[in-house]
Protein backbone atom coordinates (compact mmCIF):
# COMPACT_ATOMS: atom_id res chain seq x y z
CA MET A 1 0.16 0.02 0.27
CA ASN A 2 1.23 3.33 -0.82
CA ASP A 3 1.73 5.80 2.25
CA ARG A 4 1.02 8.72 0.23
CA TYR A 5 -1.67 9.64 -2.29
CA ASP A 6 -2.39 12.74 -4.33
CA ALA A 7 -5.04 15.49 -2.99
CA GLY A 8 -6.81 15.63 -6.80
CA TYR A 9 -7.67 19.19 -7.11
CA GLY A 10 -5.74 20.92 -4.33
CA GLY A 11 -2.20 19.85 -6.04
CA ASP A 12 -0.93 18.78 -2.45
CA GLN A 13 -0.33 14.95 -1.70
CA TYR A 14 -1.35 13.35 1.83
CA GLU A 15 0.86 10.77 3.83
CA LEU A 16 -0.04 8.08 6.20
CA VAL A 17 0.72 9.17 9.31
CA GLY A 18 -0.78 7.10 11.69
CA TYR A 19 -4.52 5.72 13.09
CA ASP A 20 -6.93 7.64 15.28
CA GLU A 21 -8.65 5.99 18.41
CA TYR A 22 -11.89 4.56 16.37
CA GLY A 23 -9.12 3.45 14.31
CA GLN A 24 -9.12 5.39 10.93
CA PRO A 25 -6.30 6.70 9.09
CA VAL A 26 -5.02 10.10 9.72
CA TYR A 27 -3.18 12.19 6.77
CA ARG A 28 -0.90 14.76 6.98
CA GLN A 29 -1.01 17.58 3.62
CA VAL A 30 3.00 17.10 2.04
CA PRO A 31 2.95 19.91 -0.33
CA ALA A 32 3.80 18.97 -4.09
CA GLN A 33 6.63 20.36 -5.92
CA GLN A 34 5.09 21.86 -8.96
CA THR A 35 6.70 23.56 -12.14
CA PRO A 36 5.09 27.04 -12.40
CA GLN A 37 5.87 27.23 -16.74
CA GLN A 38 3.93 23.75 -16.76
CA ALA A 39 0.37 23.91 -16.27
CA TYR A 40 -2.32 21.74 -16.98
CA ASP A 41 -4.87 21.74 -19.77
CA PRO A 42 -7.11 19.16 -20.33
CA TYR A 43 -7.86 20.38 -24.17
CA ALA A 44 -4.88 21.42 -24.57
CA GLN A 45 -2.45 19.84 -26.91
CA GLN A 46 0.80 19.90 -25.02
CA GLN A 47 4.22 17.66 -25.65
CA GLY A 48 4.45 15.10 -22.66
CA TYR A 49 1.53 16.56 -20.98
CA GLY A 50 -1.74 16.22 -21.92
CA TYR A 51 -3.52 12.93 -21.82
CA ASP A 52 -6.81 11.97 -24.65
CA PRO A 53 -7.73 8.67 -24.32
CA TYR A 54 -9.91 8.88 -27.46
CA THR A 55 -7.26 10.40 -29.62
CA SER A 56 -4.22 8.37 -31.36
CA GLY A 57 -2.02 11.48 -31.32
CA GLY A 58 1.88 11.46 -30.67
CA GLY A 59 3.43 12.56 -27.05
CA THR A 60 4.46 11.96 -23.84
CA GLY A 61 1.69 10.31 -21.82
CA TYR A 62 -0.15 7.25 -19.82
CA ASP A 63 -1.15 4.51 -21.77
CA PRO A 64 -3.77 2.99 -20.03
CA TYR A 65 -4.43 0.08 -22.38
CA GLY A 66 -0.75 -1.03 -21.56
CA THR A 67 0.26 -0.94 -25.17
CA GLY A 68 3.78 0.60 -24.75
CA GLN A 69 2.70 3.61 -27.61
CA GLN A 70 1.70 7.33 -26.46
CA PRO A 71 -1.84 8.30 -27.61
CA PRO A 72 -1.99 11.58 -30.30
CA VAL A 73 -2.56 14.98 -28.68
CA PRO A 74 -5.89 16.53 -29.68
CA PRO A 75 -5.97 19.87 -30.48
CA SER A 76 -5.87 22.66 -27.93
CA TYR A 77 -8.54 24.25 -26.69
CA GLY A 78 -7.73 27.11 -24.43
CA THR A 79 -5.26 28.16 -22.26
CA PRO A 80 -3.64 25.30 -20.25
CA ASP A 81 -5.13 25.08 -16.31
CA PRO A 82 -2.30 25.80 -14.01
CA TYR A 83 -3.69 23.35 -11.64
CA ASP A 84 -2.18 19.54 -11.40
CA PRO A 85 -4.63 17.08 -10.07
CA TYR A 86 -2.39 14.39 -9.14
CA GLY A 87 0.65 16.67 -8.14
CA GLN A 88 2.66 15.48 -10.84
CA ALA A 89 5.33 17.90 -12.87
CA ALA A 90 5.16 17.19 -16.19
CA GLY A 91 7.92 14.55 -18.07
CA THR A 92 7.67 12.64 -15.30
CA GLY A 93 6.41 9.18 -17.24
CA GLN A 94 3.11 10.08 -15.60
CA GLN A 95 0.21 12.03 -17.15
CA PRO A 96 -2.29 13.40 -14.67
CA ARG A 97 -5.70 12.45 -16.18
CA VAL A 98 -8.33 15.72 -16.62
CA ALA A 99 -10.08 17.32 -14.30
CA GLU A 100 -13.55 16.60 -15.25
CA GLN A 101 -12.48 12.87 -14.36
CA THR A 102 -12.87 11.29 -11.26
CA ALA A 103 -10.21 12.52 -8.26
CA TYR A 104 -9.58 11.51 -4.84
CA ILE A 105 -10.30 13.56 -2.26
CA PRO A 106 -8.54 13.44 0.94
CA GLN A 107 -10.45 15.03 3.64
CA GLN A 108 -9.75 16.31 7.82
CA ALA A 109 -9.52 13.32 10.11
CA GLY A 110 -11.63 13.08 12.41
CA PRO A 111 -14.72 11.21 14.32
CA GLU A 112 -16.96 11.62 11.06
CA GLN A 113 -14.40 12.15 8.03
CA ASP A 114 -11.43 10.17 8.25
CA TYR A 115 -11.33 8.84 4.74
CA PRO A 116 -10.98 10.71 1.13
CA ARG A 117 -13.62 11.42 -0.26
CA TYR A 118 -14.24 9.83 -3.99
CA ALA A 119 -16.01 12.22 -6.38
CA SER A 120 -16.78 12.47 -10.43
CA GLY A 121 -16.72 15.10 -12.41
CA PRO A 122 -19.95 16.78 -13.95
CA GLY A 123 -21.15 14.13 -16.48
CA GLU A 124 -19.14 11.44 -16.30
CA ASP A 125 -19.24 7.98 -16.06
CA PRO A 126 -17.95 6.58 -12.74
CA ASP A 127 -16.92 3.13 -15.05
CA ASP A 128 -14.36 5.29 -17.17
CA HIS A 129 -12.23 5.19 -14.09
CA ARG A 130 -11.91 1.71 -13.33
CA ASP A 131 -8.55 1.70 -15.59
CA GLY A 132 -6.95 5.14 -13.86
CA GLN A 133 -7.53 2.86 -10.45
CA ASP A 134 -6.06 -0.29 -11.70
CA ASP A 135 -2.28 0.99 -10.59
CA ARG A 136 -3.73 1.86 -7.79
CA ASP A 137 -3.56 -0.21 -4.31
CA TYR A 138 -6.72 1.56 -2.33
CA ARG A 139 -8.70 -0.11 0.51
CA THR A 140 -12.13 0.86 0.87
CA GLU A 141 -11.63 2.29 4.48
CA GLN A 142 -9.07 4.37 3.27
CA PHE A 143 -12.03 6.65 2.17
CA ALA A 144 -15.19 8.59 3.33
CA PHE A 145 -17.72 8.42 1.12
CA VAL A 146 -19.37 11.53 1.49
CA GLU A 147 -23.70 11.36 1.58
CA GLU A 148 -25.13 14.28 -0.52
CA PRO A 149 -28.35 15.84 1.20
CA ASP A 150 -31.00 14.45 0.71
CA GLY A 151 -34.06 17.22 -0.34
CA ASP A 152 -36.54 14.70 0.86
CA SER A 153 -35.31 13.99 4.41
CA GLU A 154 -37.18 16.31 6.11
CA ASP A 155 -40.21 14.97 4.44
CA VAL A 156 -40.02 11.48 5.47
CA ILE A 157 -39.15 13.04 8.94
CA ASP A 158 -42.35 14.83 9.34
CA TRP A 159 -43.75 12.11 7.68
CA LEU A 160 -42.65 9.49 10.19
CA LYS A 161 -43.80 12.04 12.91
CA PHE A 162 -47.21 12.19 11.75
CA THR A 163 -47.97 8.69 11.60
CA GLU A 164 -46.71 8.02 15.11
CA ASN A 165 -48.77 10.77 16.45
CA ARG A 166 -52.13 9.27 14.30
CA THR A 167 -50.99 6.03 15.68
CA GLU A 168 -51.07 7.68 19.12
CA ARG A 169 -54.11 9.83 18.70
CA ARG A 170 -55.80 6.32 17.28
CA GLU A 171 -54.55 4.38 20.64
CA GLU A 172 -55.75 7.31 22.54
CA ALA A 173 -58.94 7.44 21.19
CA ARG A 174 -59.39 3.91 21.69
CA ARG A 175 -58.29 3.84 25.39
CA ARG A 176 -61.52 6.46 25.56
CA ALA A 177 -63.89 4.70 23.47
CA ARG A 178 -63.12 1.70 26.35
CA SER A 179 -63.08 4.17 29.42
CA ARG A 180 -66.81 5.06 28.04
CA VAL A 181 -67.74 1.63 27.43
CA VAL A 182 -66.83 0.78 31.14
CA ALA A 183 -68.40 3.76 32.20
CA LEU A 184 -71.91 3.21 30.73
CA VAL A 185 -71.93 -0.33 31.76
CA VAL A 186 -71.05 0.54 35.46
CA VAL A 187 -73.85 3.09 35.57
CA LEU A 188 -76.43 0.96 34.05
CA ALA A 189 -75.30 -1.85 36.47
CA LEU A 190 -75.69 0.88 39.15
CA ALA A 191 -79.20 1.69 37.71
CA ALA A 192 -80.40 -1.70 37.42
CA VAL A 193 -79.14 -2.82 41.05
CA GLY A 194 -80.79 0.62 42.14
CA GLY A 195 -84.14 -0.19 40.20
CA VAL A 196 -84.33 -4.08 41.64
CA GLY A 197 -83.66 -2.29 45.32
CA TYR A 198 -86.24 0.17 45.45
CA LEU A 199 -88.56 -2.57 43.77
CA TRP A 200 -87.84 -5.14 46.86
CA TYR A 201 -87.86 -1.91 49.22
CA ALA A 202 -91.48 -1.10 47.66
CA GLY A 203 -92.60 -5.14 47.65
CA LYS A 204 -93.22 -5.28 44.31
CA LEU A 205 -90.85 -7.74 43.27
CA PRO A 206 -92.76 -11.02 42.08
CA GLY A 207 -92.61 -13.55 44.94
CA VAL A 208 -91.56 -11.46 47.29
CA SER A 209 -93.52 -9.33 49.85
CA SER A 210 -91.98 -7.38 52.65
CA SER A 211 -93.45 -6.21 56.65
CA ASP A 212 -95.39 -3.14 56.76
CA ASP A 213 -93.57 -0.78 58.87
CA LYS A 214 -96.34 0.52 61.07
CA THR A 215 -97.98 -2.95 61.50
CA GLY A 216 -95.42 -5.26 61.46
CA THR A 217 -97.61 -7.68 59.00
CA THR A 218 -96.62 -8.64 56.13
CA THR A 219 -98.91 -6.80 53.04
CA ALA A 220 -98.62 -7.14 49.62
CA THR A 221 -97.86 -3.44 49.04
CA GLY A 222 -94.51 -3.48 51.14
CA ALA A 223 -92.81 -1.41 53.37
CA GLN A 224 -94.48 2.09 52.44
CA LYS A 225 -94.46 5.43 54.09
CA ARG A 226 -97.42 7.26 54.75
CA ASP A 227 -98.16 10.43 56.18
CA VAL A 228 -101.99 10.47 57.28
CA ILE A 229 -104.03 13.28 58.82
CA VAL A 230 -107.87 13.16 59.84
CA VAL A 231 -110.24 15.79 58.81
CA HIS A 232 -113.88 16.40 60.54
CA LEU A 233 -116.43 18.46 58.88
CA HIS A 234 -118.75 19.98 61.51
CA ASP A 235 -121.78 21.40 59.87
CA THR A 236 -122.67 24.31 61.92
CA LYS A 237 -125.98 24.65 60.91
CA LYS A 238 -127.70 21.32 60.40
CA GLY A 239 -125.62 19.60 62.52
CA GLY A 240 -123.58 16.28 61.85
CA THR A 241 -119.77 15.27 60.95
CA SER A 242 -118.41 14.34 57.76
CA THR A 243 -114.50 12.53 58.04
CA ALA A 244 -112.51 11.53 56.00
CA LEU A 245 -108.59 10.63 55.96
CA LEU A 246 -105.80 12.42 54.06
CA VAL A 247 -103.20 10.25 52.72
CA ASP A 248 -99.75 10.55 51.57
CA ASN A 249 -97.88 7.93 50.46
CA THR A 250 -94.63 9.03 50.06
CA THR A 251 -93.13 5.75 48.81
CA THR A 252 -95.44 5.57 45.79
CA LYS A 253 -95.82 9.15 45.51
CA GLN A 254 -99.71 8.64 45.63
CA ALA A 255 -102.54 10.79 47.29
CA THR A 256 -105.50 9.04 48.73
CA THR A 257 -108.64 10.79 50.42
CA VAL A 258 -110.39 8.01 52.34
CA LEU A 259 -114.44 8.35 53.11
CA LEU A 260 -115.21 6.82 56.83
CA PRO A 261 -118.84 6.50 57.00
CA ASN A 262 -120.54 7.75 60.22
CA SER A 263 -121.41 4.26 61.00
CA LEU A 264 -118.03 2.93 61.55
CA ALA A 265 -118.14 0.96 64.59
CA LEU A 266 -114.70 1.71 67.05
CA THR A 267 -113.82 0.95 70.53
CA GLY A 268 -114.74 4.72 72.64
CA GLU A 269 -111.93 5.43 75.08
CA ASP A 270 -114.15 3.40 78.11
CA GLY A 271 -113.68 0.29 76.39
CA THR A 272 -117.22 0.26 74.64
CA THR A 273 -118.45 0.05 71.55
CA THR A 274 -119.19 2.92 69.17
CA THR A 275 -119.53 4.82 66.34
CA LEU A 276 -117.13 7.34 64.40
CA ALA A 277 -120.02 9.88 64.55
CA LYS A 278 -120.61 9.44 68.41
CA SER A 279 -117.07 9.32 68.85
CA VAL A 280 -115.87 12.82 66.99
CA GLU A 281 -119.16 13.81 69.25
CA ASP A 282 -117.99 12.74 72.63
CA ASP A 283 -114.34 11.51 72.55
CA GLY A 284 -113.24 14.56 70.85
CA SER A 285 -110.71 14.58 68.28
CA SER A 286 -107.52 12.74 70.50
CA GLY A 287 -110.10 10.12 71.26
CA THR A 288 -111.52 9.59 67.93
CA ARG A 289 -107.85 9.65 66.12
CA GLU A 290 -106.64 6.64 68.81
CA ALA A 291 -109.86 4.93 68.26
CA LEU A 292 -109.44 5.07 64.04
CA ASP A 293 -105.71 3.63 64.50
CA SER A 294 -106.80 0.98 66.46
CA ALA A 295 -109.74 -0.40 63.98
CA LEU A 296 -108.03 0.37 60.98
CA GLY A 297 -104.11 0.06 62.17
CA THR A 298 -102.52 3.67 60.86
CA ASP A 299 -100.93 6.03 62.45
CA ILE A 300 -102.92 9.41 62.31
CA GLU A 301 -100.11 12.82 62.53
CA GLY A 302 -103.12 15.07 63.67
CA THR A 303 -106.77 16.23 63.69
CA TRP A 304 -108.01 18.84 61.59
CA ARG A 305 -111.27 19.96 62.36
CA LEU A 306 -113.13 22.19 59.55
CA ASP A 307 -116.17 23.70 60.21
CA THR A 308 -118.13 24.72 57.58
CA PRO A 309 -117.53 28.61 57.75
CA TYR A 310 -113.60 28.00 57.43
CA LEU A 311 -114.84 25.52 54.63
CA GLN A 312 -116.29 28.56 52.58
CA ASN A 313 -113.38 30.70 53.19
CA LEU A 314 -110.93 27.91 52.23
CA VAL A 315 -113.20 28.01 48.95
CA ASP A 316 -112.62 31.63 48.45
CA LEU A 317 -109.42 31.68 48.96
CA VAL A 318 -108.15 29.40 46.22
CA GLY A 319 -110.32 31.14 44.12
CA ASN A 320 -113.29 28.78 43.40
CA ILE A 321 -113.21 24.87 42.92
CA ASP A 322 -114.00 22.90 39.80
CA ILE A 323 -115.99 19.56 40.25
CA ASP A 324 -118.48 17.27 38.96
CA THR A 325 -121.46 17.82 40.60
CA ASN A 326 -124.23 15.06 40.33
CA ALA A 327 -127.23 16.59 42.30
CA ASP A 328 -128.95 20.09 41.94
CA VAL A 329 -128.49 21.78 45.69
CA PRO A 330 -130.97 23.97 46.47
CA ASP A 331 -129.98 26.91 48.22
CA PRO A 332 -130.78 27.27 51.97
CA ALA A 333 -131.69 31.04 51.85
CA ALA A 334 -133.97 30.75 49.50
CA LYS A 335 -137.84 31.29 50.70
CA LYS A 336 -139.86 29.77 47.87
CA LYS A 337 -139.90 26.58 46.43
CA GLY A 338 -139.34 26.29 43.00
CA THR A 339 -136.29 28.43 42.42
CA SER A 340 -133.34 28.04 40.82
CA PRO A 341 -130.81 25.92 42.62
CA LEU A 342 -127.57 27.46 44.12
CA VAL A 343 -125.81 24.18 42.68
CA SER A 344 -126.34 22.81 39.31
CA LYS A 345 -125.83 19.15 38.50
CA GLY A 346 -123.39 18.58 35.58
CA GLU A 347 -119.72 18.29 34.32
CA ASP A 348 -117.27 20.89 35.29
CA GLN A 349 -118.93 23.60 37.29
CA THR A 350 -117.32 26.43 39.37
CA LEU A 351 -118.19 26.68 42.93
CA SER A 352 -117.99 29.21 45.07
CA GLY A 353 -117.10 29.04 48.68
CA LYS A 354 -120.82 28.91 49.82
CA MET A 355 -121.85 26.63 46.96
CA ALA A 356 -119.06 24.48 48.00
CA VAL A 357 -120.32 24.25 51.34
CA ALA A 358 -124.03 23.99 50.29
CA TYR A 359 -122.96 20.75 47.89
CA ALA A 360 -120.67 19.06 50.48
CA THR A 361 -123.28 18.91 53.27
CA TYR A 362 -126.59 18.09 50.85
CA ARG A 363 -128.15 14.45 50.93
CA ALA A 364 -131.74 14.52 49.27
CA SER A 365 -134.76 12.60 50.25
CA GLY A 366 -133.90 8.81 50.72
CA GLU A 367 -130.51 9.28 49.94
CA ALA A 368 -127.58 7.10 52.04
CA GLN A 369 -125.33 9.10 54.58
CA ASN A 370 -122.81 7.99 52.42
CA ALA A 371 -124.31 10.17 48.75
CA GLN A 372 -122.95 13.06 51.18
CA LEU A 373 -120.00 11.48 52.82
CA GLU A 374 -119.01 11.36 48.52
CA ARG A 375 -119.81 14.77 47.85
CA PHE A 376 -117.58 15.65 50.74
CA GLY A 377 -114.75 14.45 49.14
CA GLN A 378 -115.51 16.04 45.95
CA VAL A 379 -115.43 19.65 47.32
CA MET A 380 -112.02 18.03 49.16
CA GLN A 381 -110.42 17.17 45.91
CA GLY A 382 -111.26 19.98 44.45
CA VAL A 383 -109.34 22.29 46.79
CA LEU A 384 -106.49 20.39 46.69
CA ARG A 385 -105.99 21.05 43.09
CA LYS A 386 -106.65 24.54 43.57
CA LEU A 387 -104.67 24.53 46.47
CA SER A 388 -100.90 25.72 46.32
CA SER A 389 -98.33 23.23 45.98
CA ASP A 390 -95.34 25.99 47.53
CA GLN A 391 -95.46 25.25 51.52
CA GLN A 392 -94.99 28.88 52.56
CA VAL A 393 -97.73 30.20 50.58
CA ALA A 394 -100.35 26.95 51.54
CA THR A 395 -99.21 27.87 55.39
CA VAL A 396 -100.26 31.51 54.75
CA THR A 397 -103.43 30.21 52.78
CA VAL A 398 -103.96 27.65 56.31
CA GLN A 399 -103.11 31.22 58.76
CA THR A 400 -105.54 33.16 56.82
CA LEU A 401 -108.19 31.16 57.46
CA ALA A 402 -107.63 32.03 61.85
CA GLN A 403 -109.08 28.80 62.68
CA ILE A 404 -108.21 27.15 66.44
CA LEU A 405 -106.33 23.92 65.09
CA ASP A 406 -105.83 21.31 67.58
CA PRO A 407 -102.66 20.97 69.32
CA SER A 408 -101.43 17.71 67.51
CA LEU A 409 -101.39 19.73 63.73
CA THR A 410 -99.80 23.44 63.53
CA ASP A 411 -100.65 25.88 60.72
CA LYS A 412 -97.23 25.11 59.46
CA ASP A 413 -97.44 20.88 59.71
CA LEU A 414 -100.93 21.39 57.82
CA GLY A 415 -99.48 23.69 55.57
CA ALA A 416 -96.35 21.74 54.64
CA PHE A 417 -98.81 18.88 53.76
CA LEU A 418 -101.62 20.01 52.00
CA ALA A 419 -99.11 21.16 49.67
CA LYS A 420 -97.68 18.26 48.83
CA MET A 421 -100.59 16.86 48.70
CA SER A 422 -101.61 19.44 45.59
CA GLU A 423 -98.86 18.79 44.09
CA LEU A 424 -100.34 15.40 43.47
CA ALA A 425 -103.91 16.10 42.91
CA LYS A 426 -102.89 18.65 40.62
CA GLY A 427 -100.47 15.59 38.97
CA GLY A 428 -103.49 13.43 38.56
CA ASP A 429 -101.77 11.13 41.25
CA HIS A 430 -104.86 11.55 43.69
CA LYS A 431 -108.21 9.17 44.09
CA THR A 432 -111.45 8.96 46.60
CA ALA A 433 -111.72 5.93 48.29
CA LEU A 434 -114.66 4.89 50.21
CA LEU A 435 -114.35 2.89 53.00
CA PRO A 436 -116.55 -0.31 53.07
CA VAL A 437 -118.65 -0.77 55.95
CA GLN A 438 -121.37 -3.18 56.99
CA ASP A 439 -124.41 -2.52 58.39
CA ASP A 440 -123.39 -3.41 62.30
CA GLY A 441 -120.32 -0.69 61.71
CA THR A 442 -117.76 -3.81 61.13
CA LEU A 443 -115.25 -3.10 58.39
CA SER A 444 -116.32 -6.54 55.68
CA ALA A 445 -113.45 -8.10 54.31
CA GLU A 446 -113.56 -6.22 50.82
CA ALA A 447 -112.51 -3.42 53.27
CA SER A 448 -110.03 -5.33 54.69
CA ASP A 449 -108.12 -5.78 51.15
CA SER A 450 -108.72 -2.84 49.11
CA VAL A 451 -108.76 0.14 51.47
CA VAL A 452 -107.05 -0.81 54.97
CA LYS A 453 -104.55 -2.83 53.57
CA ASP A 454 -103.77 -1.38 50.18
CA VAL A 455 -104.25 2.38 50.81
CA LEU A 456 -103.75 2.79 54.63
CA GLY A 457 -101.11 -0.13 54.97
CA GLY A 458 -102.86 -1.47 58.23
CA THR A 459 -104.88 -4.79 59.53
CA ALA A 460 -108.81 -4.06 59.92
CA LYS A 461 -109.59 -4.39 63.85
CA SER A 462 -113.41 -4.59 64.19
CA PRO A 463 -114.69 -4.43 68.01
CA ASP A 464 -116.33 -7.13 69.37
CA GLN A 465 -119.99 -7.95 68.57
CA GLY A 466 -121.90 -7.52 71.78
CA ALA A 467 -120.19 -4.52 73.03
CA ALA A 468 -122.90 -1.99 71.32
CA VAL A 469 -126.61 -2.26 71.57
CA ARG A 470 -127.47 -3.65 68.41
CA VAL A 471 -130.65 -1.91 66.84
CA SER A 472 -133.03 -2.62 64.16
CA VAL A 473 -135.62 -0.31 62.35
CA ARG A 474 -138.86 -0.86 60.52
CA ASN A 475 -140.52 1.82 58.87
CA ALA A 476 -144.19 2.31 59.11
CA SER A 477 -144.52 5.68 58.72
CA GLY A 478 -145.19 5.56 55.45
CA GLU A 479 -141.91 8.19 54.69
CA LYS A 480 -139.59 5.84 53.49
CA ASP A 481 -136.33 8.42 54.00
CA ASN A 482 -137.27 8.14 57.74
CA THR A 483 -135.48 4.41 57.94
CA GLU A 484 -132.46 6.29 56.62
CA ASN A 485 -132.81 9.41 58.47
CA ALA A 486 -133.55 6.82 62.07
CA ARG A 487 -130.00 5.19 60.79
CA VAL A 488 -128.09 7.84 61.09
CA VAL A 489 -129.77 9.33 64.36
CA LEU A 490 -128.85 6.13 65.91
CA LEU A 491 -125.16 5.80 64.85
CA ASN A 492 -124.21 9.32 65.89
CA GLY A 493 -126.02 8.20 69.19
CA GLY A 494 -123.47 5.58 69.50
CA PHE A 495 -125.82 2.70 68.53
CA THR A 496 -125.14 -0.25 66.37
CA PHE A 497 -127.40 -0.69 63.35
CA LEU A 498 -128.39 -3.48 61.94
CA GLY A 499 -130.51 -2.81 59.37
CA GLY A 500 -133.98 -1.65 58.76
CA THR A 501 -137.38 -2.36 56.29
CA THR A 502 -139.93 -0.32 55.13
CA GLU A 503 -143.23 -1.60 56.00
CA GLU A 504 -146.14 -1.39 53.69
CA THR A 505 -148.98 -0.51 55.94
CA THR A 506 -148.74 2.34 58.48
CA GLN A 507 -149.43 3.34 62.54
CA ALA A 508 -149.96 5.74 64.17
CA THR A 509 -147.37 5.76 67.45
CA SER A 510 -143.64 4.64 67.41
CA LYS A 511 -142.38 1.25 69.57
CA VAL A 512 -139.13 0.63 71.46
CA LEU A 513 -139.23 -3.06 72.35
CA TYR A 514 -136.81 -5.15 74.06
CA ALA A 515 -136.71 -8.75 75.33
CA ASP A 516 -134.57 -9.08 78.45
CA ALA A 517 -134.88 -6.66 81.15
CA ALA A 518 -131.54 -6.32 81.28
CA ASP A 519 -131.96 -4.26 78.32
CA LYS A 520 -134.93 -2.10 79.16
CA ALA A 521 -132.22 0.85 80.06
CA ASP A 522 -130.64 0.57 76.33
CA ALA A 523 -134.56 0.93 74.84
CA GLU A 524 -135.16 3.86 76.85
CA GLU A 525 -132.00 5.44 75.78
CA VAL A 526 -132.85 4.42 71.77
CA ALA A 527 -136.33 5.97 72.53
CA LYS A 528 -134.41 9.33 73.68
CA THR A 529 -131.82 9.31 70.81
CA LEU A 530 -134.82 9.13 68.33
CA ASN A 531 -137.36 12.07 70.29
CA LEU A 532 -139.79 9.28 71.03
CA PRO A 533 -141.51 9.60 74.12
CA ASP A 534 -140.99 6.88 77.40
CA SER A 535 -144.09 5.77 76.47
CA ALA A 536 -143.20 4.27 73.61
CA VAL A 537 -140.42 1.58 75.71
CA ALA A 538 -142.07 -1.80 75.64
CA LYS A 539 -141.40 -5.41 76.39
CA GLY A 540 -142.04 -7.30 72.97
CA ASP A 541 -140.30 -9.44 70.53
CA VAL A 542 -137.36 -8.36 69.09
CA ALA A 543 -135.15 -9.37 65.75
CA ALA A 544 -132.66 -11.75 65.66
CA ASN A 545 -128.97 -11.06 67.10
CA ALA A 546 -130.59 -7.24 68.10
CA SER A 547 -130.99 -6.00 71.47
CA VAL A 548 -133.57 -3.27 70.51
CA SER A 549 -136.01 -3.15 68.17
CA VAL A 550 -137.76 -0.03 66.73
CA VAL A 551 -140.78 0.34 64.54
CA LEU A 552 -141.45 4.28 63.36
CA GLY A 553 -145.12 5.30 63.17
CA GLN A 554 -146.39 8.28 61.91
CA ASP A 555 -145.31 10.27 65.04
CA TYR A 556 -141.60 10.05 64.27
CA ASP A 557 -140.55 13.58 63.22
CA PRO A 558 -136.92 13.06 62.26
CA ALA A 559 -136.46 17.01 62.10
CA SER A 560 -136.94 17.02 65.94
């Protein structure tokens, strides 16, 4: 291997001096000896100087074909170039190649450039230089091949970055999608569990029942929360009362007005059997409330005594009510018969306070007391629909009435309760139910299932038979309404009404009969309740299962 090589275009030579830390050769520059008067002109014809491989002219030069003959010197095309690419003087026997041909360009030794660079002249074929290299002993590791800058490299890098970023975005989108799916599944699972839990709590799962939180007995409706108050309407002009339970089922979001007939048998404070009407009159609010809880299995929170003047004011305060009326109601203040009714029968009738009171207390001739009770229920539903569902506004309405409330129920408690009932009534979640009561005042099986259990969540418990005086009535007065009139009076008096019949024939005087001497005092009490004279009491035959039998004659005056 030669320790020196020509620099190509520089005219200097480089000498190998060793190897660097990377094992690459290190060169030093050796100035070349040049003859000033001799210059290289690749296109000029110089004796012993120029070389043209394609001409056969004479002259001294290098024979690439090994023929031993000098190729002819081509004609000169210009001024000789002083540049000697191989650092050789003319006449040495070695003629340099033209500048346009390949030359070996050394580079400074270093970590990145330790070898000479191989470069080609413009427009030349690299194969043309193979013959000039045959006599040189060069190895590949002696040269550093410099890559020309690629104009597309930045574009390639940008494309790789874009591809990587797009892949990362796709992966991130997939992760977010998986996270959303997992979150959705969790939410649906929680909703399903919550729904099943609610159905279990409400006792609505098929085949599952739970105990009522108030009675401790198993019911189909499950453990439900109910707020209950009792309202007593007192007719201050005609006398008598009408009773209803206002029920707010906070679990099912259902409001109900339960109408309680006056004939409902209750156990009084002294342990004896009485009727609802008698209990309201004698035992007051607290005694009646406790008796109702015992009979129905309820937990009444308070009593609202609503006298008819306050009902009139209440309807006026809410701006009248709209209900469907089922009867023409005459004006109580009318002096002449045949005048226009105060309340007309029909759908969607607007009632003022006075009209609402007249309709709520009206009982037509021959009608049972329950007909009047149902009209009272209609009025209460109309009031609930017109009341404000805002608790503060409803409380102000109650306070404006200026009525004296029962200590168990404050004006704020009543206002808040009525506001919740109003909201349910406006939303169509309010209904009215009549508690079925048998002739003797006890609860029927229908009452136990449809109202007591389902609506009130309680268990019916009627007083033992025989605890109250049982009275039967035969109407021989010629007035069919007298049977119902007597029934109401007896029930309000605390007696058990077993039933009544209407006779086709009439008799002049009324009789109150007893069969056992021990029942004489009861018979006298019945006569007094019906406004009959003591002379009407006598020993005689009585109806089965009755302690006292009453025969109404033409002398019976229900108005008295």
